N, C-alpha and C. Protein backbone atom coordinates (compact mmCIF):
# COMPACT_ATOMS: atom_id res chain seq x y z
N UNK A 1 -2.06 26.70 -5.08
CA UNK A 1 -1.24 25.51 -5.09
C UNK A 1 -0.66 25.31 -6.48
N UNK A 2 0.54 24.78 -6.55
CA UNK A 2 1.20 24.53 -7.82
C UNK A 2 0.40 23.55 -8.65
N UNK A 3 -0.16 22.49 -8.01
CA UNK A 3 -0.91 21.50 -8.77
C UNK A 3 -2.13 22.13 -9.43
N UNK A 4 -2.75 23.11 -8.79
CA UNK A 4 -3.89 23.80 -9.39
C UNK A 4 -3.44 24.62 -10.60
N UNK A 5 -2.29 25.28 -10.48
CA UNK A 5 -1.76 26.08 -11.58
C UNK A 5 -1.42 25.21 -12.78
N UNK A 6 -0.96 23.98 -12.54
CA UNK A 6 -0.60 23.06 -13.62
C UNK A 6 -1.79 22.32 -14.18
N UNK A 7 -2.93 22.41 -13.50
CA UNK A 7 -4.11 21.69 -13.94
C UNK A 7 -4.12 20.24 -13.50
N UNK A 8 -3.24 19.88 -12.59
CA UNK A 8 -3.16 18.51 -12.08
C UNK A 8 -4.22 18.33 -10.99
N UNK A 9 -5.02 17.28 -11.11
CA UNK A 9 -6.06 17.04 -10.11
C UNK A 9 -5.80 15.78 -9.28
N UNK A 10 -4.60 15.22 -9.41
CA UNK A 10 -4.24 14.01 -8.67
C UNK A 10 -3.06 14.31 -7.76
N UNK A 11 -3.20 13.99 -6.47
CA UNK A 11 -2.11 14.21 -5.51
C UNK A 11 -1.91 12.93 -4.72
N UNK A 12 -0.66 12.48 -4.62
CA UNK A 12 -0.34 11.32 -3.78
C UNK A 12 0.50 11.79 -2.60
N UNK A 13 0.05 11.44 -1.41
CA UNK A 13 0.76 11.80 -0.18
C UNK A 13 1.43 10.52 0.30
N UNK A 14 2.76 10.59 0.42
CA UNK A 14 3.53 9.41 0.79
C UNK A 14 4.59 9.84 1.79
N UNK A 15 5.51 8.96 2.15
CA UNK A 15 6.39 9.32 3.25
C UNK A 15 7.81 8.93 3.03
N UNK A 16 8.33 8.62 4.11
CA UNK A 16 8.07 8.05 5.43
C UNK A 16 6.61 7.67 5.63
N UNK A 17 6.14 7.98 6.76
CA UNK A 17 4.74 7.68 7.11
C UNK A 17 3.99 8.99 7.25
N UNK A 18 3.15 9.34 6.28
CA UNK A 18 2.45 10.62 6.32
C UNK A 18 1.59 10.81 7.57
N UNK A 19 0.91 9.75 8.02
CA UNK A 19 0.00 9.91 9.15
C UNK A 19 0.73 10.15 10.47
N UNK A 20 2.05 10.02 10.48
CA UNK A 20 2.84 10.36 11.67
C UNK A 20 2.99 11.88 11.80
N UNK A 21 2.69 12.59 10.72
CA UNK A 21 2.79 14.05 10.72
C UNK A 21 1.51 14.65 11.29
N UNK A 22 1.62 15.56 12.24
CA UNK A 22 0.42 16.07 12.93
C UNK A 22 -0.63 16.71 12.03
N UNK A 23 -0.24 17.33 10.94
CA UNK A 23 -1.19 18.04 10.09
C UNK A 23 -1.58 17.28 8.82
N UNK A 24 -1.18 16.03 8.72
CA UNK A 24 -1.46 15.27 7.50
C UNK A 24 -2.96 15.13 7.26
N UNK A 25 -3.72 14.83 8.29
CA UNK A 25 -5.17 14.63 8.12
C UNK A 25 -5.84 15.92 7.63
N UNK A 26 -5.36 17.05 8.14
CA UNK A 26 -5.90 18.34 7.70
C UNK A 26 -5.57 18.55 6.22
N UNK A 27 -4.33 18.26 5.83
CA UNK A 27 -3.92 18.39 4.44
C UNK A 27 -4.77 17.50 3.53
N UNK A 28 -4.95 16.24 3.92
CA UNK A 28 -5.75 15.33 3.10
C UNK A 28 -7.16 15.86 2.89
N UNK A 29 -7.77 16.33 3.97
CA UNK A 29 -9.15 16.85 3.86
C UNK A 29 -9.20 18.11 3.01
N UNK A 30 -8.22 18.98 3.17
CA UNK A 30 -8.17 20.21 2.36
C UNK A 30 -8.07 19.87 0.87
N UNK A 31 -7.25 18.88 0.54
CA UNK A 31 -7.11 18.47 -0.86
C UNK A 31 -8.41 17.89 -1.39
N UNK A 32 -9.07 17.06 -0.60
CA UNK A 32 -10.38 16.51 -1.00
C UNK A 32 -11.37 17.64 -1.21
N UNK A 33 -11.42 18.58 -0.25
CA UNK A 33 -12.36 19.70 -0.34
C UNK A 33 -12.13 20.57 -1.58
N UNK A 34 -10.88 20.61 -2.06
CA UNK A 34 -10.56 21.40 -3.25
C UNK A 34 -10.79 20.63 -4.55
N UNK A 35 -11.29 19.40 -4.42
CA UNK A 35 -11.65 18.64 -5.60
C UNK A 35 -10.56 17.75 -6.16
N UNK A 36 -9.48 17.55 -5.42
CA UNK A 36 -8.40 16.69 -5.89
C UNK A 36 -8.75 15.23 -5.67
N UNK A 37 -8.24 14.38 -6.54
CA UNK A 37 -8.20 12.95 -6.27
C UNK A 37 -6.98 12.75 -5.39
N UNK A 38 -7.18 12.19 -4.19
CA UNK A 38 -6.11 12.10 -3.20
C UNK A 38 -5.77 10.63 -2.93
N UNK A 39 -4.50 10.29 -3.12
CA UNK A 39 -3.97 8.98 -2.79
C UNK A 39 -3.11 9.10 -1.54
N UNK A 40 -3.26 8.17 -0.62
CA UNK A 40 -2.44 8.16 0.60
C UNK A 40 -1.73 6.82 0.69
N UNK A 41 -0.40 6.85 0.70
CA UNK A 41 0.39 5.64 0.96
C UNK A 41 0.71 5.62 2.44
N UNK A 42 0.23 4.57 3.13
CA UNK A 42 0.42 4.48 4.57
C UNK A 42 0.91 3.09 4.97
N UNK A 43 1.64 3.05 6.06
CA UNK A 43 2.20 1.79 6.55
C UNK A 43 1.15 0.91 7.21
N UNK A 44 0.00 1.46 7.54
CA UNK A 44 -1.02 0.69 8.24
C UNK A 44 -0.80 0.66 9.74
N UNK A 45 0.16 1.43 10.23
CA UNK A 45 0.46 1.45 11.66
C UNK A 45 -0.27 2.58 12.39
N UNK A 46 -1.01 3.39 11.65
CA UNK A 46 -1.76 4.51 12.24
C UNK A 46 -3.23 4.35 11.87
N UNK A 47 -4.14 4.76 12.74
CA UNK A 47 -5.57 4.61 12.45
C UNK A 47 -5.99 5.40 11.21
N UNK A 48 -6.91 4.80 10.45
CA UNK A 48 -7.42 5.46 9.24
C UNK A 48 -8.93 5.69 9.33
N UNK A 49 -9.55 5.34 10.44
CA UNK A 49 -11.01 5.41 10.58
C UNK A 49 -11.56 6.80 10.32
N UNK A 50 -10.82 7.84 10.69
CA UNK A 50 -11.33 9.20 10.57
C UNK A 50 -11.00 9.87 9.24
N UNK A 51 -10.38 9.15 8.32
CA UNK A 51 -10.06 9.74 7.02
C UNK A 51 -11.31 9.79 6.15
N UNK A 52 -11.39 10.80 5.33
CA UNK A 52 -12.50 10.92 4.38
C UNK A 52 -12.55 9.66 3.52
N UNK A 53 -13.74 9.12 3.28
CA UNK A 53 -13.84 7.97 2.38
C UNK A 53 -13.41 8.32 0.96
N UNK A 54 -13.27 9.60 0.65
CA UNK A 54 -12.81 10.02 -0.67
C UNK A 54 -11.30 9.89 -0.84
N UNK A 55 -10.56 9.70 0.26
CA UNK A 55 -9.11 9.48 0.17
C UNK A 55 -8.88 8.02 -0.22
N UNK A 56 -8.15 7.83 -1.32
CA UNK A 56 -7.79 6.48 -1.76
C UNK A 56 -6.62 6.02 -0.89
N UNK A 57 -6.83 4.96 -0.12
CA UNK A 57 -5.80 4.47 0.78
C UNK A 57 -5.03 3.32 0.13
N UNK A 58 -3.73 3.43 0.15
CA UNK A 58 -2.85 2.35 -0.30
C UNK A 58 -2.08 1.95 0.96
N UNK A 59 -2.52 0.85 1.58
CA UNK A 59 -2.04 0.51 2.91
C UNK A 59 -1.19 -0.76 2.89
N UNK A 60 -0.01 -0.65 3.46
CA UNK A 60 0.84 -1.82 3.64
C UNK A 60 0.32 -2.65 4.79
N UNK A 61 0.44 -3.96 4.63
CA UNK A 61 0.40 -4.86 5.77
C UNK A 61 1.81 -5.42 5.84
N UNK A 62 2.52 -5.06 6.90
CA UNK A 62 3.93 -5.41 7.01
C UNK A 62 4.09 -6.90 7.28
N UNK A 63 4.91 -7.54 6.46
CA UNK A 63 5.18 -8.97 6.59
C UNK A 63 6.18 -9.23 7.72
N UNK A 64 6.21 -10.45 8.25
CA UNK A 64 7.09 -10.75 9.39
C UNK A 64 8.56 -10.41 9.20
N UNK A 65 9.13 -10.65 8.00
CA UNK A 65 10.57 -10.40 7.85
C UNK A 65 10.91 -8.91 7.91
N UNK A 66 9.91 -8.04 7.82
CA UNK A 66 10.16 -6.60 7.92
C UNK A 66 10.52 -6.19 9.35
N UNK A 67 10.16 -7.02 10.31
CA UNK A 67 10.35 -6.66 11.72
C UNK A 67 9.31 -5.66 12.20
N UNK A 68 8.32 -5.33 11.35
CA UNK A 68 7.31 -4.33 11.67
C UNK A 68 5.89 -4.90 11.72
N UNK A 69 5.72 -6.20 11.54
CA UNK A 69 4.37 -6.76 11.45
C UNK A 69 3.58 -6.58 12.75
N UNK A 70 4.27 -6.42 13.86
CA UNK A 70 3.57 -6.19 15.13
C UNK A 70 2.87 -4.82 15.15
N UNK A 71 3.23 -3.93 14.23
CA UNK A 71 2.63 -2.59 14.18
C UNK A 71 1.38 -2.53 13.30
N UNK A 72 1.07 -3.61 12.56
CA UNK A 72 -0.13 -3.62 11.72
C UNK A 72 -1.36 -3.39 12.59
N UNK A 73 -2.18 -2.42 12.22
CA UNK A 73 -3.46 -2.20 12.90
C UNK A 73 -4.53 -2.91 12.08
N UNK A 74 -4.84 -4.13 12.47
CA UNK A 74 -5.77 -4.95 11.71
C UNK A 74 -7.16 -4.32 11.66
N UNK A 75 -7.51 -3.52 12.67
CA UNK A 75 -8.82 -2.86 12.66
C UNK A 75 -8.94 -1.86 11.51
N UNK A 76 -7.81 -1.43 10.94
CA UNK A 76 -7.87 -0.56 9.76
C UNK A 76 -8.59 -1.22 8.59
N UNK A 77 -8.58 -2.54 8.54
CA UNK A 77 -9.26 -3.24 7.44
C UNK A 77 -10.75 -2.96 7.44
N UNK A 78 -11.31 -2.59 8.59
CA UNK A 78 -12.74 -2.25 8.65
C UNK A 78 -13.05 -0.95 7.91
N UNK A 79 -12.02 -0.19 7.56
CA UNK A 79 -12.21 1.11 6.92
C UNK A 79 -11.62 1.16 5.51
N UNK A 80 -11.41 -0.02 4.94
CA UNK A 80 -10.92 -0.16 3.57
C UNK A 80 -12.14 -0.39 2.67
N UNK A 81 -12.12 0.24 1.51
CA UNK A 81 -13.24 0.09 0.58
C UNK A 81 -12.73 -0.43 -0.77
N UNK A 82 -13.62 -0.59 -1.71
CA UNK A 82 -13.28 -1.07 -3.05
C UNK A 82 -12.40 -0.08 -3.82
N UNK A 83 -12.27 1.13 -3.33
CA UNK A 83 -11.41 2.09 -4.02
C UNK A 83 -9.98 2.04 -3.49
N UNK A 84 -9.75 1.25 -2.43
CA UNK A 84 -8.45 1.22 -1.74
C UNK A 84 -7.62 0.00 -2.15
N UNK A 85 -6.34 0.03 -1.74
CA UNK A 85 -5.42 -1.05 -2.07
C UNK A 85 -4.68 -1.51 -0.82
N UNK A 86 -4.38 -2.81 -0.77
CA UNK A 86 -3.56 -3.39 0.29
C UNK A 86 -2.30 -3.91 -0.38
N UNK A 87 -1.16 -3.61 0.23
CA UNK A 87 0.13 -3.98 -0.36
C UNK A 87 0.94 -4.83 0.63
N UNK A 88 1.55 -5.88 0.10
CA UNK A 88 2.47 -6.73 0.86
C UNK A 88 3.82 -6.67 0.17
N UNK A 89 4.87 -6.34 0.91
CA UNK A 89 6.24 -6.39 0.38
C UNK A 89 6.94 -7.53 1.09
N UNK A 90 7.29 -8.56 0.32
CA UNK A 90 7.77 -9.81 0.89
C UNK A 90 9.26 -10.01 0.70
N UNK A 91 9.86 -10.61 1.71
CA UNK A 91 11.28 -10.90 1.65
C UNK A 91 11.60 -12.38 1.70
N UNK A 92 10.56 -13.24 1.79
CA UNK A 92 10.80 -14.68 1.93
C UNK A 92 9.55 -15.47 1.57
N UNK A 93 9.71 -16.77 1.42
CA UNK A 93 8.56 -17.66 1.19
C UNK A 93 7.61 -17.57 2.39
N UNK A 94 8.16 -17.48 3.58
CA UNK A 94 7.32 -17.37 4.78
C UNK A 94 6.47 -16.11 4.74
N UNK A 95 7.05 -15.00 4.27
CA UNK A 95 6.27 -13.77 4.11
C UNK A 95 5.14 -13.98 3.11
N UNK A 96 5.44 -14.66 2.00
CA UNK A 96 4.41 -14.92 1.01
C UNK A 96 3.27 -15.72 1.63
N UNK A 97 3.60 -16.77 2.35
CA UNK A 97 2.56 -17.60 2.96
C UNK A 97 1.75 -16.82 3.98
N UNK A 98 2.42 -15.95 4.72
CA UNK A 98 1.74 -15.08 5.69
C UNK A 98 0.77 -14.15 4.96
N UNK A 99 1.23 -13.55 3.85
CA UNK A 99 0.39 -12.64 3.07
C UNK A 99 -0.79 -13.39 2.45
N UNK A 100 -0.53 -14.56 1.89
CA UNK A 100 -1.61 -15.37 1.30
C UNK A 100 -2.67 -15.68 2.36
N UNK A 101 -2.24 -16.05 3.54
CA UNK A 101 -3.18 -16.34 4.63
C UNK A 101 -3.98 -15.10 4.99
N UNK A 102 -3.33 -13.94 5.06
CA UNK A 102 -4.03 -12.69 5.38
C UNK A 102 -5.06 -12.34 4.31
N UNK A 103 -4.70 -12.51 3.05
CA UNK A 103 -5.62 -12.22 1.95
C UNK A 103 -6.87 -13.07 2.08
N UNK A 104 -6.69 -14.34 2.34
CA UNK A 104 -7.84 -15.25 2.44
C UNK A 104 -8.62 -15.05 3.73
N UNK A 105 -7.93 -14.89 4.85
CA UNK A 105 -8.61 -14.76 6.15
C UNK A 105 -9.45 -13.50 6.23
N UNK A 106 -9.02 -12.44 5.53
CA UNK A 106 -9.72 -11.16 5.61
C UNK A 106 -10.47 -10.83 4.32
N UNK A 107 -10.59 -11.81 3.42
CA UNK A 107 -11.34 -11.61 2.18
C UNK A 107 -10.88 -10.37 1.41
N UNK A 108 -9.60 -10.14 1.38
CA UNK A 108 -9.09 -8.88 0.82
C UNK A 108 -9.36 -8.74 -0.67
N UNK A 109 -9.37 -9.84 -1.41
CA UNK A 109 -9.56 -9.73 -2.86
C UNK A 109 -10.95 -9.20 -3.23
N UNK A 110 -11.90 -9.29 -2.30
CA UNK A 110 -13.23 -8.75 -2.58
C UNK A 110 -13.52 -7.48 -1.79
N UNK A 111 -12.75 -7.21 -0.75
CA UNK A 111 -13.00 -6.04 0.09
C UNK A 111 -12.36 -4.76 -0.41
N UNK A 112 -11.26 -4.90 -1.14
CA UNK A 112 -10.57 -3.69 -1.61
C UNK A 112 -10.41 -3.77 -3.12
N UNK A 113 -10.00 -2.66 -3.69
CA UNK A 113 -9.87 -2.58 -5.14
C UNK A 113 -8.71 -3.37 -5.70
N UNK A 114 -7.64 -3.50 -4.92
CA UNK A 114 -6.47 -4.24 -5.40
C UNK A 114 -5.68 -4.78 -4.22
N UNK A 115 -5.18 -5.98 -4.40
CA UNK A 115 -4.21 -6.58 -3.47
C UNK A 115 -2.91 -6.68 -4.26
N UNK A 116 -1.87 -6.07 -3.74
CA UNK A 116 -0.59 -5.99 -4.44
C UNK A 116 0.47 -6.81 -3.72
N UNK A 117 1.15 -7.67 -4.46
CA UNK A 117 2.26 -8.46 -3.93
C UNK A 117 3.53 -7.93 -4.57
N UNK A 118 4.53 -7.65 -3.76
CA UNK A 118 5.79 -7.11 -4.23
C UNK A 118 6.93 -7.77 -3.45
N UNK A 119 8.14 -7.65 -3.97
CA UNK A 119 9.31 -8.25 -3.32
C UNK A 119 10.25 -7.18 -2.79
N UNK A 120 10.90 -7.50 -1.69
CA UNK A 120 12.03 -6.68 -1.26
C UNK A 120 13.09 -6.85 -2.34
N UNK A 121 13.50 -5.72 -2.92
CA UNK A 121 14.40 -5.75 -4.07
C UNK A 121 15.69 -6.50 -3.72
N UNK A 122 16.06 -7.48 -4.56
CA UNK A 122 17.30 -8.21 -4.40
C UNK A 122 17.25 -9.30 -3.34
N UNK A 123 16.13 -9.45 -2.65
CA UNK A 123 16.06 -10.43 -1.57
C UNK A 123 15.24 -11.65 -1.96
N UNK A 124 14.25 -11.46 -2.83
CA UNK A 124 13.35 -12.54 -3.23
C UNK A 124 13.14 -12.44 -4.73
N UNK A 125 13.29 -13.54 -5.42
CA UNK A 125 13.13 -13.57 -6.87
C UNK A 125 11.67 -13.33 -7.24
N UNK A 126 11.38 -12.26 -7.98
CA UNK A 126 10.00 -11.96 -8.37
C UNK A 126 9.31 -13.12 -9.10
N UNK A 127 10.06 -13.85 -9.92
CA UNK A 127 9.47 -14.96 -10.66
C UNK A 127 8.88 -16.00 -9.71
N UNK A 128 9.55 -16.25 -8.59
CA UNK A 128 9.04 -17.21 -7.61
C UNK A 128 7.69 -16.77 -7.06
N UNK A 129 7.57 -15.49 -6.73
CA UNK A 129 6.32 -14.99 -6.16
C UNK A 129 5.18 -15.15 -7.17
N UNK A 130 5.45 -14.84 -8.43
CA UNK A 130 4.42 -15.00 -9.46
C UNK A 130 4.02 -16.47 -9.58
N UNK A 131 5.00 -17.37 -9.56
CA UNK A 131 4.69 -18.81 -9.62
C UNK A 131 3.84 -19.23 -8.42
N UNK A 132 4.19 -18.76 -7.22
CA UNK A 132 3.41 -19.12 -6.02
C UNK A 132 1.98 -18.59 -6.13
N UNK A 133 1.84 -17.35 -6.61
CA UNK A 133 0.51 -16.76 -6.76
C UNK A 133 -0.35 -17.58 -7.72
N UNK A 134 0.25 -18.02 -8.82
CA UNK A 134 -0.48 -18.83 -9.80
C UNK A 134 -0.85 -20.20 -9.21
N UNK A 135 0.10 -20.83 -8.52
CA UNK A 135 -0.17 -22.12 -7.87
C UNK A 135 -1.32 -22.01 -6.87
N UNK A 136 -1.36 -20.91 -6.15
CA UNK A 136 -2.38 -20.71 -5.11
C UNK A 136 -3.65 -20.05 -5.64
N UNK A 137 -3.69 -19.82 -6.94
CA UNK A 137 -4.88 -19.25 -7.60
C UNK A 137 -5.28 -17.89 -7.00
N UNK A 138 -4.30 -17.07 -6.73
CA UNK A 138 -4.56 -15.70 -6.26
C UNK A 138 -4.75 -14.80 -7.49
N UNK A 139 -5.72 -15.14 -8.31
CA UNK A 139 -5.92 -14.49 -9.60
C UNK A 139 -6.41 -13.05 -9.47
N UNK A 140 -7.05 -12.71 -8.37
CA UNK A 140 -7.54 -11.34 -8.21
C UNK A 140 -6.47 -10.42 -7.60
N UNK A 141 -5.37 -11.01 -7.14
CA UNK A 141 -4.27 -10.20 -6.62
C UNK A 141 -3.32 -9.87 -7.77
N UNK A 142 -2.54 -8.81 -7.60
CA UNK A 142 -1.61 -8.38 -8.64
C UNK A 142 -0.18 -8.47 -8.13
N UNK A 143 0.73 -8.77 -9.04
CA UNK A 143 2.15 -8.70 -8.71
C UNK A 143 2.66 -7.33 -9.13
N UNK A 144 3.52 -6.76 -8.33
CA UNK A 144 4.01 -5.40 -8.59
C UNK A 144 5.52 -5.36 -8.39
N UNK A 145 6.22 -4.81 -9.35
CA UNK A 145 7.65 -4.54 -9.18
C UNK A 145 7.82 -3.11 -8.68
N UNK A 146 8.83 -2.88 -7.91
CA UNK A 146 9.16 -1.52 -7.47
C UNK A 146 9.97 -0.88 -8.59
N UNK A 147 9.25 -0.25 -9.53
CA UNK A 147 9.86 0.24 -10.77
C UNK A 147 11.03 1.18 -10.51
N UNK A 148 10.94 2.00 -9.46
CA UNK A 148 12.02 2.95 -9.19
C UNK A 148 13.34 2.25 -8.91
N UNK A 149 13.29 1.00 -8.45
CA UNK A 149 14.53 0.26 -8.18
C UNK A 149 15.21 -0.18 -9.48
N UNK A 150 14.45 -0.23 -10.57
CA UNK A 150 15.00 -0.60 -11.86
C UNK A 150 15.41 0.63 -12.66
N UNK A 151 14.72 1.74 -12.45
CA UNK A 151 15.01 2.96 -13.19
C UNK A 151 16.25 3.66 -12.63
N UNK A 152 16.31 3.77 -11.31
CA UNK A 152 17.45 4.38 -10.63
C UNK A 152 18.20 3.31 -9.85
N UNK A 153 19.33 3.66 -9.32
CA UNK A 153 20.06 2.72 -8.46
C UNK A 153 19.15 2.31 -7.31
N UNK A 154 19.14 1.03 -6.92
CA UNK A 154 18.26 0.57 -5.86
C UNK A 154 18.40 1.33 -4.53
N UNK A 155 19.58 1.87 -4.27
CA UNK A 155 19.82 2.59 -3.01
C UNK A 155 19.44 4.06 -3.08
N UNK A 156 19.06 4.55 -4.26
CA UNK A 156 18.75 5.98 -4.45
C UNK A 156 17.59 6.39 -3.56
N UNK A 157 17.72 7.54 -2.95
CA UNK A 157 16.67 8.11 -2.09
C UNK A 157 16.03 9.30 -2.78
N UNK A 158 14.78 9.54 -2.46
CA UNK A 158 14.10 10.73 -2.96
C UNK A 158 13.68 10.66 -4.40
N UNK A 159 13.55 9.44 -4.95
CA UNK A 159 13.12 9.30 -6.34
C UNK A 159 11.70 8.75 -6.42
């Protein structure tokens, strides 16, 4: 593998949705077996119960304005550990309130390693989300900007 030749021991598998690919689970396990630190970015719409606990899961919980919140597999939360992350990408105040409720209802700030709040670029002012988080005392959650949207044109693909 190229990563072995370069001496890189960290691999992130992202998508689209990696778990929609038939051989993704085999790839993840092969990487773990070879001693890599493996990160998986997943939409949360596919089961994660059978993944190695050594795979670091970064799982979205889709907010209502995404039109995809009906695809959230809430049972996946039973397979999240302190090494994993839950991410919310919000497009409105209603999305924020939905995410805040999910964080509290599922004890996410203590169940996983990080809870990440982010904005749909250009749709919601990041400053507002930070203010709401502070007002609601979500001190264990983190705010995250989508850095690639600032580095490259927001519409750029494959970066």
